[in-house]
Amino acid sequence: MKKRDVTCRECGAGFRRLELLSASGTEGEYRCPACNALLEVFDGDHLVAYRLTIEPSMRLLKA
């Protein structure tokens, strides 16, 4: 399993990204739930999950 932190470039929200190498996932994409910015496109080779860890900056969302 791989773990890393990801930050949305648009609103500053922080996520923990987990990738399970022993399981296949589905093709698709993950978008920031706060501002809808594209964070990653999945090829389906591995199972990937995101968890919000840092709330987005409301100041950036209002701009």
C-alpha atoms as a PDB file:
ATOM      1  CA  MET A   1       0.000   0.000   0.000  1.00  0.00           C
ATOM      2  CA  LYS A   2       1.189   3.505  -0.842  1.00  0.00           C
ATOM      3  CA  LYS A   3       0.179   6.589   1.164  1.00  0.00           C
ATOM      4  CA  ARG A   4       0.717  10.249   0.348  1.00  0.00           C
ATOM      5  CA  ASP A   5      -0.803  13.652   0.933  1.00  0.00           C
ATOM      6  CA  VAL A   6      -2.413  15.622  -1.897  1.00  0.00           C
ATOM      7  CA  THR A   7      -3.398  19.292  -1.895  1.00  0.00           C
ATOM      8  CA  CYS A   8      -5.963  20.816  -4.232  1.00  0.00           C
ATOM      9  CA  ARG A   9      -4.311  23.599  -6.228  1.00  0.00           C
ATOM     10  CA  GLU A  10      -7.585  25.508  -6.532  1.00  0.00           C
ATOM     11  CA  CYS A  11      -8.934  25.688  -2.966  1.00  0.00           C
ATOM     12  CA  GLY A  12      -6.167  24.324  -0.737  1.00  0.00           C
ATOM     13  CA  ALA A  13      -8.115  21.330   0.567  1.00  0.00           C
ATOM     14  CA  GLY A  14      -5.859  18.524   1.799  1.00  0.00           C
ATOM     15  CA  PHE A  15      -6.375  14.820   1.186  1.00  0.00           C
ATOM     16  CA  ARG A  16      -4.764  11.544   2.197  1.00  0.00           C
ATOM     17  CA  ARG A  17      -4.377   9.367  -0.900  1.00  0.00           C
ATOM     18  CA  LEU A  18      -4.214   5.596  -0.412  1.00  0.00           C
ATOM     19  CA  GLU A  19      -3.305   3.214  -3.222  1.00  0.00           C
ATOM     20  CA  LEU A  20      -3.768  -0.513  -2.782  1.00  0.00           C
ATOM     21  CA  LEU A  21      -1.424  -2.278  -5.183  1.00  0.00           C
ATOM     22  CA  SER A  22      -2.912  -5.727  -4.617  1.00  0.00           C
ATOM     23  CA  ALA A  23      -6.406  -4.798  -5.844  1.00  0.00           C
ATOM     24  CA  SER A  24      -7.633  -3.430  -9.135  1.00  0.00           C
ATOM     25  CA  GLY A  25      -9.815  -0.347  -9.217  1.00  0.00           C
ATOM     26  CA  THR A  26     -11.972   1.284 -11.854  1.00  0.00           C
ATOM     27  CA  GLU A  27     -11.161   3.793 -14.559  1.00  0.00           C
ATOM     28  CA  GLY A  28     -12.321   7.310 -13.874  1.00  0.00           C
ATOM     29  CA  GLU A  29     -11.309  10.494 -12.143  1.00  0.00           C
ATOM     30  CA  TYR A  30     -11.365  12.110  -8.725  1.00  0.00           C
ATOM     31  CA  ARG A  31     -12.429  15.725  -8.314  1.00  0.00           C
ATOM     32  CA  CYS A  32     -12.167  17.924  -5.245  1.00  0.00           C
ATOM     33  CA  PRO A  33     -15.573  17.832  -3.517  1.00  0.00           C
ATOM     34  CA  ALA A  34     -15.202  21.494  -2.490  1.00  0.00           C
ATOM     35  CA  CYS A  35     -14.363  23.171  -5.811  1.00  0.00           C
ATOM     36  CA  ASN A  36     -14.654  20.380  -8.432  1.00  0.00           C
ATOM     37  CA  ALA A  37     -11.013  20.706  -9.566  1.00  0.00           C
ATOM     38  CA  LEU A  38      -9.562  17.579 -11.162  1.00  0.00           C
ATOM     39  CA  LEU A  39      -7.075  15.893  -8.823  1.00  0.00           C
ATOM     40  CA  GLU A  40      -6.368  12.608 -10.593  1.00  0.00           C
ATOM     41  CA  VAL A  41      -7.378  10.407 -13.520  1.00  0.00           C
ATOM     42  CA  PHE A  42      -7.427   6.665 -12.731  1.00  0.00           C
ATOM     43  CA  ASP A  43      -6.422   3.922 -15.174  1.00  0.00           C
ATOM     44  CA  GLY A  44      -7.936   1.150 -13.029  1.00  0.00           C
ATOM     45  CA  ASP A  45      -4.699  -0.758 -12.400  1.00  0.00           C
ATOM     46  CA  HIS A  46      -4.866  -0.188  -8.622  1.00  0.00           C
ATOM     47  CA  LEU A  47      -7.526   0.691  -6.091  1.00  0.00           C
ATOM     48  CA  VAL A  48      -7.195   4.359  -5.053  1.00  0.00           C
ATOM     49  CA  ALA A  49      -9.071   6.150  -2.268  1.00  0.00           C
ATOM     50  CA  TYR A  50      -9.058   9.776  -1.118  1.00  0.00           C
ATOM     51  CA  ARG A  51      -9.953  11.118   2.332  1.00  0.00           C
ATOM     52  CA  LEU A  52     -10.376  14.810   3.125  1.00  0.00           C
ATOM     53  CA  THR A  53      -7.957  15.787   5.919  1.00  0.00           C
ATOM     54  CA  ILE A  54      -7.778  19.596   5.662  1.00  0.00           C
ATOM     55  CA  GLU A  55     -10.798  21.795   5.024  1.00  0.00           C
ATOM     56  CA  PRO A  56     -10.559  24.053   1.953  1.00  0.00           C
ATOM     57  CA  SER A  57      -9.805  27.745   2.341  1.00  0.00           C
ATOM     58  CA  MET A  58     -13.150  29.562   2.234  1.00  0.00           C
ATOM     59  CA  ARG A  59     -11.319  32.713   1.161  1.00  0.00           C
ATOM     60  CA  LEU A  60     -10.121  30.958  -2.020  1.00  0.00           C
ATOM     61  CA  LEU A  61     -13.583  29.529  -2.746  1.00  0.00           C
ATOM     62  CA  LYS A  62     -15.241  32.966  -2.593  1.00  0.00           C
ATOM     63  CA  ALA A  63     -12.787  34.575  -5.018  1.00  0.00           C
END
